[in-house]
Amino acid sequence: PGKAEKLNINMWSTAQTFEKGHKIAVHVSSSNFPRFDVNKNQ
């Protein structure tokens, strides 16, 4: 609890052109339901 650790997340692969005038974004959260099971944190 409370200790910062580096988590390596495998994002798999893609081929994407982020075009001029666009932005690249990263969104971070702790859930995405129902695509992924929800952790009850216990």
PDB file of all heavy atoms in Angstrom:
ATOM      1  N   PRO A   1       0.811  -1.218   0.000  1.00  0.00           N
ATOM      2  CA  PRO A   1       0.000   0.000   0.000  1.00  0.00           C
ATOM      3  C   PRO A   1       0.846   1.271   0.000  1.00  0.00           C
ATOM      4  O   PRO A   1       1.765   1.420   0.798  1.00  0.00           O
ATOM      5  CB  PRO A   1      -0.817  -0.129   1.288  1.00  0.00           C
ATOM      6  CG  PRO A   1      -0.948  -1.609   1.489  1.00  0.00           C
ATOM      7  CD  PRO A   1       0.381  -2.175   1.042  1.00  0.00           C
ATOM      8  N   GLY A   2       0.538   2.163  -0.942  1.00  0.00           N
ATOM      9  CA  GLY A   2       1.200   3.453  -1.022  1.00  0.00           C
ATOM     10  C   GLY A   2       2.531   3.455  -1.740  1.00  0.00           C
ATOM     11  O   GLY A   2       3.110   4.526  -1.960  1.00  0.00           O
ATOM     12  N   LYS A   3       3.033   2.312  -2.150  1.00  0.00           N
ATOM     13  CA  LYS A   3       4.338   2.244  -2.817  1.00  0.00           C
ATOM     14  C   LYS A   3       4.177   2.340  -4.325  1.00  0.00           C
ATOM     15  O   LYS A   3       3.442   1.569  -4.938  1.00  0.00           O
ATOM     16  CB  LYS A   3       5.055   0.945  -2.475  1.00  0.00           C
ATOM     17  CG  LYS A   3       6.426   0.802  -3.137  1.00  0.00           C
ATOM     18  CD  LYS A   3       7.077  -0.532  -2.810  1.00  0.00           C
ATOM     19  CE  LYS A   3       8.419  -0.672  -3.515  1.00  0.00           C
ATOM     20  NZ  LYS A   3       9.055  -1.988  -3.228  1.00  0.00           N
ATOM     21  N   ALA A   4       4.887   3.295  -4.945  1.00  0.00           N
ATOM     22  CA  ALA A   4       4.833   3.457  -6.394  1.00  0.00           C
ATOM     23  C   ALA A   4       5.638   2.352  -7.067  1.00  0.00           C
ATOM     24  O   ALA A   4       6.779   2.077  -6.689  1.00  0.00           O
ATOM     25  CB  ALA A   4       5.383   4.818  -6.796  1.00  0.00           C
ATOM     26  N   GLU A   5       5.038   1.720  -8.060  1.00  0.00           N
ATOM     27  CA  GLU A   5       5.716   0.687  -8.840  1.00  0.00           C
ATOM     28  C   GLU A   5       5.474   0.916 -10.322  1.00  0.00           C
ATOM     29  O   GLU A   5       4.437   1.457 -10.718  1.00  0.00           O
ATOM     30  CB  GLU A   5       5.221  -0.704  -8.456  1.00  0.00           C
ATOM     31  CG  GLU A   5       5.595  -1.143  -7.057  1.00  0.00           C
ATOM     32  CD  GLU A   5       5.386  -2.644  -6.853  1.00  0.00           C
ATOM     33  OE1 GLU A   5       5.765  -3.412  -7.761  1.00  0.00           O
ATOM     34  OE2 GLU A   5       4.838  -3.025  -5.808  1.00  0.00           O
ATOM     35  N   LYS A   6       6.428   0.486 -11.152  1.00  0.00           N
ATOM     36  CA  LYS A   6       6.256   0.599 -12.602  1.00  0.00           C
ATOM     37  C   LYS A   6       5.510  -0.627 -13.113  1.00  0.00           C
ATOM     38  O   LYS A   6       5.975  -1.757 -12.965  1.00  0.00           O
ATOM     39  CB  LYS A   6       7.593   0.737 -13.316  1.00  0.00           C
ATOM     40  CG  LYS A   6       7.435   0.968 -14.820  1.00  0.00           C
ATOM     41  CD  LYS A   6       8.728   1.377 -15.486  1.00  0.00           C
ATOM     42  CE  LYS A   6       9.696   0.231 -15.606  1.00  0.00           C
ATOM     43  NZ  LYS A   6      10.866   0.583 -16.446  1.00  0.00           N
ATOM     44  N   LEU A   7       4.355  -0.393 -13.701  1.00  0.00           N
ATOM     45  CA  LEU A   7       3.537  -1.458 -14.258  1.00  0.00           C
ATOM     46  C   LEU A   7       3.698  -1.443 -15.777  1.00  0.00           C
ATOM     47  O   LEU A   7       3.465  -0.409 -16.420  1.00  0.00           O
ATOM     48  CB  LEU A   7       2.074  -1.255 -13.889  1.00  0.00           C
ATOM     49  CG  LEU A   7       1.782  -1.029 -12.399  1.00  0.00           C
ATOM     50  CD1 LEU A   7       0.296  -0.777 -12.183  1.00  0.00           C
ATOM     51  CD2 LEU A   7       2.250  -2.211 -11.565  1.00  0.00           C
ATOM     52  N   ASN A   8       4.103  -2.560 -16.338  1.00  0.00           N
ATOM     53  CA  ASN A   8       4.294  -2.658 -17.788  1.00  0.00           C
ATOM     54  C   ASN A   8       3.045  -3.274 -18.414  1.00  0.00           C
ATOM     55  O   ASN A   8       2.740  -4.449 -18.174  1.00  0.00           O
ATOM     56  CB  ASN A   8       5.524  -3.510 -18.096  1.00  0.00           C
ATOM     57  CG  ASN A   8       6.801  -2.871 -17.581  1.00  0.00           C
ATOM     58  OD1 ASN A   8       7.167  -1.773 -17.989  1.00  0.00           O
ATOM     59  ND2 ASN A   8       7.478  -3.546 -16.669  1.00  0.00           N
ATOM     60  N   ILE A   9       2.333  -2.469 -19.195  1.00  0.00           N
ATOM     61  CA  ILE A   9       1.073  -2.905 -19.790  1.00  0.00           C
ATOM     62  C   ILE A   9       1.273  -3.186 -21.273  1.00  0.00           C
ATOM     63  O   ILE A   9       1.691  -2.308 -22.038  1.00  0.00           O
ATOM     64  CB  ILE A   9      -0.022  -1.837 -19.590  1.00  0.00           C
ATOM     65  CG1 ILE A   9      -0.195  -1.529 -18.096  1.00  0.00           C
ATOM     66  CG2 ILE A   9      -1.343  -2.303 -20.201  1.00  0.00           C
ATOM     67  CD1 ILE A   9      -1.175  -0.425 -17.814  1.00  0.00           C
ATOM     68  N   ASN A  10       0.991  -4.407 -21.664  1.00  0.00           N
ATOM     69  CA  ASN A  10       1.072  -4.821 -23.063  1.00  0.00           C
ATOM     70  C   ASN A  10      -0.156  -4.298 -23.805  1.00  0.00           C
ATOM     71  O   ASN A  10      -1.266  -4.759 -23.584  1.00  0.00           O
ATOM     72  CB  ASN A  10       1.147  -6.351 -23.131  1.00  0.00           C
ATOM     73  CG  ASN A  10       1.196  -6.871 -24.558  1.00  0.00           C
ATOM     74  OD1 ASN A  10       1.202  -6.114 -25.527  1.00  0.00           O
ATOM     75  ND2 ASN A  10       1.226  -8.181 -24.702  1.00  0.00           N
ATOM     76  N   MET A  11       0.054  -3.317 -24.679  1.00  0.00           N
ATOM     77  CA  MET A  11      -1.057  -2.717 -25.416  1.00  0.00           C
ATOM     78  C   MET A  11      -1.309  -3.398 -26.766  1.00  0.00           C
ATOM     79  O   MET A  11      -2.132  -2.944 -27.544  1.00  0.00           O
ATOM     80  CB  MET A  11      -0.778  -1.220 -25.628  1.00  0.00           C
ATOM     81  CG  MET A  11      -0.614  -0.405 -24.357  1.00  0.00           C
ATOM     82  SD  MET A  11      -2.154  -0.232 -23.433  1.00  0.00           S
ATOM     83  CE  MET A  11      -3.112   0.791 -24.542  1.00  0.00           C
ATOM     84  N   TRP A  12      -0.573  -4.452 -27.055  1.00  0.00           N
ATOM     85  CA  TRP A  12      -0.653  -5.177 -28.328  1.00  0.00           C
ATOM     86  C   TRP A  12      -0.190  -4.275 -29.474  1.00  0.00           C
ATOM     87  O   TRP A  12       0.624  -3.382 -29.284  1.00  0.00           O
ATOM     88  CB  TRP A  12      -2.047  -5.768 -28.534  1.00  0.00           C
ATOM     89  CG  TRP A  12      -2.339  -6.903 -27.599  1.00  0.00           C
ATOM     90  CD1 TRP A  12      -2.135  -6.911 -26.243  1.00  0.00           C
ATOM     91  CD2 TRP A  12      -2.848  -8.190 -27.925  1.00  0.00           C
ATOM     92  NE1 TRP A  12      -2.500  -8.116 -25.707  1.00  0.00           N
ATOM     93  CE2 TRP A  12      -2.948  -8.929 -26.714  1.00  0.00           C
ATOM     94  CE3 TRP A  12      -3.247  -8.798 -29.106  1.00  0.00           C
ATOM     95  CZ2 TRP A  12      -3.431 -10.234 -26.665  1.00  0.00           C
ATOM     96  CZ3 TRP A  12      -3.744 -10.101 -29.051  1.00  0.00           C
ATOM     97  CH2 TRP A  12      -3.815 -10.806 -27.856  1.00  0.00           C
ATOM     98  N   SER A  13      -0.688  -4.490 -30.660  1.00  0.00           N
ATOM     99  CA  SER A  13      -0.161  -3.795 -31.839  1.00  0.00           C
ATOM    100  C   SER A  13      -1.260  -3.064 -32.604  1.00  0.00           C
ATOM    101  O   SER A  13      -2.443  -3.408 -32.499  1.00  0.00           O
ATOM    102  CB  SER A  13       0.522  -4.794 -32.780  1.00  0.00           C
ATOM    103  OG  SER A  13       1.605  -5.437 -32.155  1.00  0.00           O
ATOM    104  N   THR A  14      -0.833  -2.084 -33.397  1.00  0.00           N
ATOM    105  CA  THR A  14      -1.771  -1.380 -34.266  1.00  0.00           C
ATOM    106  C   THR A  14      -0.998  -0.711 -35.392  1.00  0.00           C
ATOM    107  O   THR A  14       0.239  -0.664 -35.384  1.00  0.00           O
ATOM    108  CB  THR A  14      -2.596  -0.344 -33.485  1.00  0.00           C
ATOM    109  OG1 THR A  14      -3.724   0.056 -34.261  1.00  0.00           O
ATOM    110  CG2 THR A  14      -1.768   0.884 -33.136  1.00  0.00           C
ATOM    111  N   ALA A  15      -1.729  -0.182 -36.351  1.00  0.00           N
ATOM    112  CA  ALA A  15      -1.171   0.662 -37.409  1.00  0.00           C
ATOM    113  C   ALA A  15      -2.119   1.845 -37.548  1.00  0.00           C
ATOM    114  O   ALA A  15      -3.269   1.676 -37.974  1.00  0.00           O
ATOM    115  CB  ALA A  15      -1.058  -0.108 -38.722  1.00  0.00           C
ATOM    116  N   GLN A  16      -1.649   3.012 -37.162  1.00  0.00           N
ATOM    117  CA  GLN A  16      -2.529   4.177 -37.075  1.00  0.00           C
ATOM    118  C   GLN A  16      -1.769   5.427 -37.492  1.00  0.00           C
ATOM    119  O   GLN A  16      -0.649   5.674 -37.019  1.00  0.00           O
ATOM    120  CB  GLN A  16      -3.024   4.351 -35.635  1.00  0.00           C
ATOM    121  CG  GLN A  16      -3.800   5.619 -35.370  1.00  0.00           C
ATOM    122  CD  GLN A  16      -5.218   5.585 -35.928  1.00  0.00           C
ATOM    123  OE1 GLN A  16      -5.788   4.494 -36.074  1.00  0.00           O
ATOM    124  NE2 GLN A  16      -5.780   6.727 -36.216  1.00  0.00           N
ATOM    125  N   THR A  17      -2.380   6.220 -38.361  1.00  0.00           N
ATOM    126  CA  THR A  17      -1.843   7.530 -38.698  1.00  0.00           C
ATOM    127  C   THR A  17      -2.607   8.586 -37.910  1.00  0.00           C
ATOM    128  O   THR A  17      -3.810   8.782 -38.137  1.00  0.00           O
ATOM    129  CB  THR A  17      -1.962   7.813 -40.210  1.00  0.00           C
ATOM    130  OG1 THR A  17      -1.146   6.882 -40.932  1.00  0.00           O
ATOM    131  CG2 THR A  17      -1.496   9.225 -40.532  1.00  0.00           C
ATOM    132  N   PHE A  18      -1.918   9.215 -36.964  1.00  0.00           N
ATOM    133  CA  PHE A  18      -2.485  10.354 -36.247  1.00  0.00           C
ATOM    134  C   PHE A  18      -2.229  11.571 -37.136  1.00  0.00           C
ATOM    135  O   PHE A  18      -1.092  12.027 -37.281  1.00  0.00           O
ATOM    136  CB  PHE A  18      -1.824  10.527 -34.884  1.00  0.00           C
ATOM    137  CG  PHE A  18      -2.090   9.381 -33.935  1.00  0.00           C
ATOM    138  CD1 PHE A  18      -1.216   8.307 -33.858  1.00  0.00           C
ATOM    139  CD2 PHE A  18      -3.212   9.383 -33.122  1.00  0.00           C
ATOM    140  CE1 PHE A  18      -1.448   7.257 -32.982  1.00  0.00           C
ATOM    141  CE2 PHE A  18      -3.464   8.331 -32.245  1.00  0.00           C
ATOM    142  CZ  PHE A  18      -2.578   7.264 -32.179  1.00  0.00           C
ATOM    143  N   GLU A  19      -3.272  12.073 -37.752  1.00  0.00           N
ATOM    144  CA  GLU A  19      -3.092  13.072 -38.795  1.00  0.00           C
ATOM    145  C   GLU A  19      -2.817  14.483 -38.267  1.00  0.00           C
ATOM    146  O   GLU A  19      -3.166  14.822 -37.129  1.00  0.00           O
ATOM    147  CB  GLU A  19      -4.320  13.081 -39.698  1.00  0.00           C
ATOM    148  CG  GLU A  19      -4.523  11.760 -40.445  1.00  0.00           C
ATOM    149  CD  GLU A  19      -5.643  11.826 -41.462  1.00  0.00           C
ATOM    150  OE1 GLU A  19      -5.537  12.636 -42.403  1.00  0.00           O
ATOM    151  OE2 GLU A  19      -6.625  11.077 -41.321  1.00  0.00           O
ATOM    152  N   LYS A  20      -2.194  15.255 -39.112  1.00  0.00           N
ATOM    153  CA  LYS A  20      -1.942  16.665 -38.816  1.00  0.00           C
ATOM    154  C   LYS A  20      -3.243  17.328 -38.380  1.00  0.00           C
ATOM    155  O   LYS A  20      -4.300  17.121 -38.979  1.00  0.00           O
ATOM    156  CB  LYS A  20      -1.386  17.359 -40.063  1.00  0.00           C
ATOM    157  CG  LYS A  20      -1.137  18.847 -39.898  1.00  0.00           C
ATOM    158  CD  LYS A  20      -0.614  19.441 -41.191  1.00  0.00           C
ATOM    159  CE  LYS A  20      -0.410  20.952 -41.056  1.00  0.00           C
ATOM    160  NZ  LYS A  20       0.106  21.548 -42.328  1.00  0.00           N
ATOM    161  N   GLY A  21      -3.182  18.118 -37.302  1.00  0.00           N
ATOM    162  CA  GLY A  21      -4.377  18.777 -36.778  1.00  0.00           C
ATOM    163  C   GLY A  21      -5.077  17.977 -35.702  1.00  0.00           C
ATOM    164  O   GLY A  21      -5.942  18.504 -35.008  1.00  0.00           O
ATOM    165  N   HIS A  22      -4.719  16.695 -35.553  1.00  0.00           N
ATOM    166  CA  HIS A  22      -5.268  15.842 -34.498  1.00  0.00           C
ATOM    167  C   HIS A  22      -4.365  15.919 -33.258  1.00  0.00           C
ATOM    168  O   HIS A  22      -3.355  16.621 -33.250  1.00  0.00           O
ATOM    169  CB  HIS A  22      -5.347  14.387 -34.971  1.00  0.00           C
ATOM    170  CG  HIS A  22      -6.416  14.143 -35.982  1.00  0.00           C
ATOM    171  ND1 HIS A  22      -7.271  13.068 -35.935  1.00  0.00           N
ATOM    172  CD2 HIS A  22      -6.786  14.852 -37.102  1.00  0.00           C
ATOM    173  CE1 HIS A  22      -8.101  13.098 -36.950  1.00  0.00           C
ATOM    174  NE2 HIS A  22      -7.819  14.174 -37.679  1.00  0.00           N
ATOM    175  N   LYS A  23      -4.725  15.173 -32.220  1.00  0.00           N
ATOM    176  CA  LYS A  23      -3.917  15.017 -31.025  1.00  0.00           C
ATOM    177  C   LYS A  23      -3.825  13.537 -30.684  1.00  0.00           C
ATOM    178  O   LYS A  23      -4.760  12.767 -30.952  1.00  0.00           O
ATOM    179  CB  LYS A  23      -4.516  15.767 -29.825  1.00  0.00           C
ATOM    180  CG  LYS A  23      -4.652  17.270 -30.008  1.00  0.00           C
ATOM    181  CD  LYS A  23      -5.342  17.887 -28.784  1.00  0.00           C
ATOM    182  CE  LYS A  23      -5.574  19.367 -28.949  1.00  0.00           C
ATOM    183  NZ  LYS A  23      -6.290  19.941 -27.772  1.00  0.00           N
ATOM    184  N   ILE A  24      -2.709  13.140 -30.078  1.00  0.00           N
ATOM    185  CA  ILE A  24      -2.572  11.791 -29.533  1.00  0.00           C
ATOM    186  C   ILE A  24      -2.909  11.867 -28.054  1.00  0.00           C
ATOM    187  O   ILE A  24      -2.428  12.759 -27.348  1.00  0.00           O
ATOM    188  CB  ILE A  24      -1.140  11.257 -29.712  1.00  0.00           C
ATOM    189  CG1 ILE A  24      -0.749  11.257 -31.196  1.00  0.00           C
ATOM    190  CG2 ILE A  24      -1.009   9.852 -29.130  1.00  0.00           C
ATOM    191  CD1 ILE A  24       0.716  10.943 -31.438  1.00  0.00           C
ATOM    192  N   ALA A  25      -3.730  10.946 -27.581  1.00  0.00           N
ATOM    193  CA  ALA A  25      -4.141  10.976 -26.178  1.00  0.00           C
ATOM    194  C   ALA A  25      -3.964   9.617 -25.523  1.00  0.00           C
ATOM    195  O   ALA A  25      -4.041   8.573 -26.168  1.00  0.00           O
ATOM    196  CB  ALA A  25      -5.593  11.431 -26.042  1.00  0.00           C
ATOM    197  N   VAL A  26      -3.719   9.656 -24.215  1.00  0.00           N
ATOM    198  CA  VAL A  26      -3.695   8.475 -23.367  1.00  0.00           C
ATOM    199  C   VAL A  26      -4.690   8.709 -22.243  1.00  0.00           C
ATOM    200  O   VAL A  26      -4.637   9.741 -21.565  1.00  0.00           O
ATOM    201  CB  VAL A  26      -2.281   8.225 -22.784  1.00  0.00           C
ATOM    202  CG1 VAL A  26      -2.336   7.164 -21.687  1.00  0.00           C
ATOM    203  CG2 VAL A  26      -1.324   7.791 -23.884  1.00  0.00           C
ATOM    204  N   HIS A  27      -5.612   7.766 -22.065  1.00  0.00           N
ATOM    205  CA  HIS A  27      -6.597   7.838 -20.988  1.00  0.00           C
ATOM    206  C   HIS A  27      -6.274   6.754 -19.968  1.00  0.00           C
ATOM    207  O   HIS A  27      -5.982   5.617 -20.340  1.00  0.00           O
ATOM    208  CB  HIS A  27      -8.015   7.633 -21.520  1.00  0.00           C
ATOM    209  CG  HIS A  27      -8.479   8.711 -22.458  1.00  0.00           C
ATOM    210  ND1 HIS A  27      -9.740   8.707 -23.048  1.00  0.00           N
ATOM    211  CD2 HIS A  27      -7.873   9.840 -22.905  1.00  0.00           C
ATOM    212  CE1 HIS A  27      -9.863   9.783 -23.811  1.00  0.00           C
ATOM    213  NE2 HIS A  27      -8.753  10.469 -23.751  1.00  0.00           N
ATOM    214  N   VAL A  28      -6.330   7.104 -18.693  1.00  0.00           N
ATOM    215  CA  VAL A  28      -6.003   6.162 -17.617  1.00  0.00           C
ATOM    216  C   VAL A  28      -7.156   6.107 -16.629  1.00  0.00           C
ATOM    217  O   VAL A  28      -7.685   7.145 -16.213  1.00  0.00           O
ATOM    218  CB  VAL A  28      -4.713   6.579 -16.877  1.00  0.00           C
ATOM    219  CG1 VAL A  28      -4.381   5.565 -15.779  1.00  0.00           C
ATOM    220  CG2 VAL A  28      -3.545   6.710 -17.848  1.00  0.00           C
ATOM    221  N   SER A  29      -7.551   4.901 -16.262  1.00  0.00           N
ATOM    222  CA  SER A  29      -8.585   4.703 -15.253  1.00  0.00           C
ATOM    223  C   SER A  29      -8.308   3.382 -14.548  1.00  0.00           C
ATOM    224  O   SER A  29      -7.236   2.799 -14.707  1.00  0.00           O
ATOM    225  CB  SER A  29      -9.982   4.701 -15.891  1.00  0.00           C
ATOM    226  OG  SER A  29     -10.107   3.609 -16.778  1.00  0.00           O
ATOM    227  N   SER A  30      -9.284   2.896 -13.777  1.00  0.00           N
ATOM    228  CA  SER A  30      -9.114   1.611 -13.101  1.00  0.00           C
ATOM    229  C   SER A  30     -10.232   0.630 -13.422  1.00  0.00           C
ATOM    230  O   SER A  30     -10.361  -0.399 -12.767  1.00  0.00           O
ATOM    231  CB  SER A  30      -9.036   1.821 -11.582  1.00  0.00           C
ATOM    232  OG  SER A  30      -7.771   2.340 -11.217  1.00  0.00           O
ATOM    233  N   SER A  31     -11.022   0.937 -14.455  1.00  0.00           N
ATOM    234  CA  SER A  31     -12.117   0.041 -14.825  1.00  0.00           C
ATOM    235  C   SER A  31     -12.560   0.326 -16.249  1.00  0.00           C
ATOM    236  O   SER A  31     -12.328   1.410 -16.793  1.00  0.00           O
ATOM    237  CB  SER A  31     -13.297   0.189 -13.864  1.00  0.00           C
ATOM    238  OG  SER A  31     -13.702   1.544 -13.752  1.00  0.00           O
ATOM    239  N   ASN A  32     -13.217  -0.673 -16.844  1.00  0.00           N
ATOM    240  CA  ASN A  32     -13.773  -0.569 -18.190  1.00  0.00           C
ATOM    241  C   ASN A  32     -14.766  -1.727 -18.306  1.00  0.00           C
ATOM    242  O   ASN A  32     -14.453  -2.790 -18.817  1.00  0.00           O
ATOM    243  CB  ASN A  32     -12.664  -0.683 -19.231  1.00  0.00           C
ATOM    244  CG  ASN A  32     -13.165  -0.542 -20.663  1.00  0.00           C
ATOM    245  OD1 ASN A  32     -14.364  -0.470 -20.907  1.00  0.00           O
ATOM    246  ND2 ASN A  32     -12.237  -0.512 -21.604  1.00  0.00           N
ATOM    247  N   PHE A  33     -15.954  -1.497 -17.768  1.00  0.00           N
ATOM    248  CA  PHE A  33     -16.929  -2.573 -17.603  1.00  0.00           C
ATOM    249  C   PHE A  33     -18.120  -2.394 -18.544  1.00  0.00           C
ATOM    250  O   PHE A  33     -18.605  -1.275 -18.707  1.00  0.00           O
ATOM    251  CB  PHE A  33     -17.437  -2.585 -16.153  1.00  0.00           C
ATOM    252  CG  PHE A  33     -18.418  -3.668 -15.849  1.00  0.00           C
ATOM    253  CD1 PHE A  33     -17.995  -4.969 -15.652  1.00  0.00           C
ATOM    254  CD2 PHE A  33     -19.781  -3.397 -15.801  1.00  0.00           C
ATOM    255  CE1 PHE A  33     -18.917  -5.985 -15.393  1.00  0.00           C
ATOM    256  CE2 PHE A  33     -20.705  -4.396 -15.534  1.00  0.00           C
ATOM    257  CZ  PHE A  33     -20.259  -5.696 -15.329  1.00  0.00           C
ATOM    258  N   PRO A  34     -18.540  -3.456 -19.251  1.00  0.00           N
ATOM    259  CA  PRO A  34     -18.268  -4.881 -18.987  1.00  0.00           C
ATOM    260  C   PRO A  34     -17.147  -5.508 -19.813  1.00  0.00           C
ATOM    261  O   PRO A  34     -16.991  -6.721 -19.775  1.00  0.00           O
ATOM    262  CB  PRO A  34     -19.592  -5.539 -19.338  1.00  0.00           C
ATOM    263  CG  PRO A  34     -20.111  -4.698 -20.471  1.00  0.00           C
ATOM    264  CD  PRO A  34     -19.704  -3.286 -20.138  1.00  0.00           C
ATOM    265  N   ARG A  35     -16.396  -4.714 -20.573  1.00  0.00           N
ATOM    266  CA  ARG A  35     -15.299  -5.312 -21.356  1.00  0.00           C
ATOM    267  C   ARG A  35     -14.337  -6.075 -20.458  1.00  0.00           C
ATOM    268  O   ARG A  35     -13.883  -7.156 -20.812  1.00  0.00           O
ATOM    269  CB  ARG A  35     -14.558  -4.231 -22.136  1.00  0.00           C
ATOM    270  CG  ARG A  35     -13.310  -4.718 -22.874  1.00  0.00           C
ATOM    271  CD  ARG A  35     -12.958  -3.787 -24.014  1.00  0.00           C
ATOM    272  NE  ARG A  35     -11.582  -3.874 -24.451  1.00  0.00           N
ATOM    273  CZ  ARG A  35     -11.064  -4.881 -25.170  1.00  0.00           C
ATOM    274  NH1 ARG A  35     -11.815  -5.912 -25.496  1.00  0.00           N
ATOM    275  NH2 ARG A  35      -9.801  -4.846 -25.542  1.00  0.00           N
ATOM    276  N   PHE A  36     -14.025  -5.512 -19.289  1.00  0.00           N
ATOM    277  CA  PHE A  36     -13.120  -6.172 -18.347  1.00  0.00           C
ATOM    278  C   PHE A  36     -13.791  -6.310 -16.978  1.00  0.00           C
ATOM    279  O   PHE A  36     -14.518  -5.419 -16.540  1.00  0.00           O
ATOM    280  CB  PHE A  36     -11.817  -5.383 -18.201  1.00  0.00           C
ATOM    281  CG  PHE A  36     -11.065  -5.202 -19.489  1.00  0.00           C
ATOM    282  CD1 PHE A  36     -10.867  -3.935 -20.016  1.00  0.00           C
ATOM    283  CD2 PHE A  36     -10.570  -6.291 -20.189  1.00  0.00           C
ATOM    284  CE1 PHE A  36     -10.180  -3.758 -21.202  1.00  0.00           C
ATOM    285  CE2 PHE A  36      -9.889  -6.130 -21.382  1.00  0.00           C
ATOM    286  CZ  PHE A  36      -9.697  -4.857 -21.899  1.00  0.00           C
ATOM    287  N   ASP A  37     -13.493  -7.410 -16.315  1.00  0.00           N
ATOM    288  CA  ASP A  37     -13.992  -7.665 -14.969  1.00  0.00           C
ATOM    289  C   ASP A  37     -13.572  -6.542 -14.028  1.00  0.00           C
ATOM    290  O   ASP A  37     -12.458  -6.006 -14.142  1.00  0.00           O
ATOM    291  CB  ASP A  37     -13.421  -9.006 -14.487  1.00  0.00           C
ATOM    292  CG  ASP A  37     -13.819  -9.326 -13.060  1.00  0.00           C
ATOM    293  OD1 ASP A  37     -15.020  -9.231 -12.758  1.00  0.00           O
ATOM    294  OD2 ASP A  37     -12.935  -9.675 -12.261  1.00  0.00           O
ATOM    295  N   VAL A  38     -14.454  -6.176 -13.107  1.00  0.00           N
ATOM    296  CA  VAL A  38     -14.145  -5.105 -12.152  1.00  0.00           C
ATOM    297  C   VAL A  38     -13.427  -5.680 -10.932  1.00  0.00           C
ATOM    298  O   VAL A  38     -13.896  -6.646 -10.319  1.00  0.00           O
ATOM    299  CB  VAL A  38     -15.435  -4.382 -11.700  1.00  0.00           C
ATOM    300  CG1 VAL A  38     -15.099  -3.293 -10.672  1.00  0.00           C
ATOM    301  CG2 VAL A  38     -16.139  -3.766 -12.901  1.00  0.00           C
ATOM    302  N   ASN A  39     -12.294  -5.090 -10.584  1.00  0.00           N
ATOM    303  CA  ASN A  39     -11.542  -5.509  -9.399  1.00  0.00           C
ATOM    304  C   ASN A  39     -12.220  -4.915  -8.164  1.00  0.00           C
ATOM    305  O   ASN A  39     -12.464  -3.706  -8.091  1.00  0.00           O
ATOM    306  CB  ASN A  39     -10.102  -5.005  -9.500  1.00  0.00           C
ATOM    307  CG  ASN A  39      -9.172  -5.685  -8.514  1.00  0.00           C
ATOM    308  OD1 ASN A  39      -9.544  -5.972  -7.385  1.00  0.00           O
ATOM    309  ND2 ASN A  39      -7.942  -5.922  -8.940  1.00  0.00           N
ATOM    310  N   LYS A  40     -12.481  -5.754  -7.165  1.00  0.00           N
ATOM    311  CA  LYS A  40     -13.126  -5.279  -5.938  1.00  0.00           C
ATOM    312  C   LYS A  40     -12.114  -4.738  -4.936  1.00  0.00           C
ATOM    313  O   LYS A  40     -12.482  -4.327  -3.827  1.00  0.00           O
ATOM    314  CB  LYS A  40     -13.943  -6.410  -5.319  1.00  0.00           C
ATOM    315  CG  LYS A  40     -15.115  -6.836  -6.207  1.00  0.00           C
ATOM    316  CD  LYS A  40     -15.925  -7.964  -5.584  1.00  0.00           C
ATOM    317  CE  LYS A  40     -17.068  -8.383  -6.500  1.00  0.00           C
ATOM    318  NZ  LYS A  40     -17.844  -9.517  -5.932  1.00  0.00           N
ATOM    319  N   ASN A  41     -10.839  -4.750  -5.316  1.00  0.00           N
ATOM    320  CA  ASN A  41      -9.771  -4.114  -4.514  1.00  0.00           C
ATOM    321  C   ASN A  41      -9.511  -4.786  -3.172  1.00  0.00           C
ATOM    322  O   ASN A  41      -8.912  -4.170  -2.280  1.00  0.00           O
ATOM    323  CB  ASN A  41     -10.090  -2.627  -4.275  1.00  0.00           C
ATOM    324  CG  ASN A  41     -10.293  -1.857  -5.564  1.00  0.00           C
ATOM    325  OD1 ASN A  41      -9.605  -2.079  -6.549  1.00  0.00           O
ATOM    326  ND2 ASN A  41     -11.243  -0.935  -5.554  1.00  0.00           N
ATOM    327  N   GLN A  42      -9.913  -6.022  -3.025  1.00  0.00           N
ATOM    328  CA  GLN A  42      -9.747  -6.715  -1.743  1.00  0.00           C
ATOM    329  C   GLN A  42      -8.636  -7.757  -1.774  1.00  0.00           C
ATOM    330  O   GLN A  42      -8.303  -8.343  -0.740  1.00  0.00           O
ATOM    331  CB  GLN A  42     -11.063  -7.415  -1.345  1.00  0.00           C
ATOM    332  CG  GLN A  42     -12.199  -6.468  -1.015  1.00  0.00           C
ATOM    333  CD  GLN A  42     -12.101  -5.920   0.398  1.00  0.00           C
ATOM    334  OE1 GLN A  42     -11.035  -5.866   0.983  1.00  0.00           O
ATOM    335  NE2 GLN A  42     -13.224  -5.483   0.955  1.00  0.00           N
TER     336      GLN A  42
END
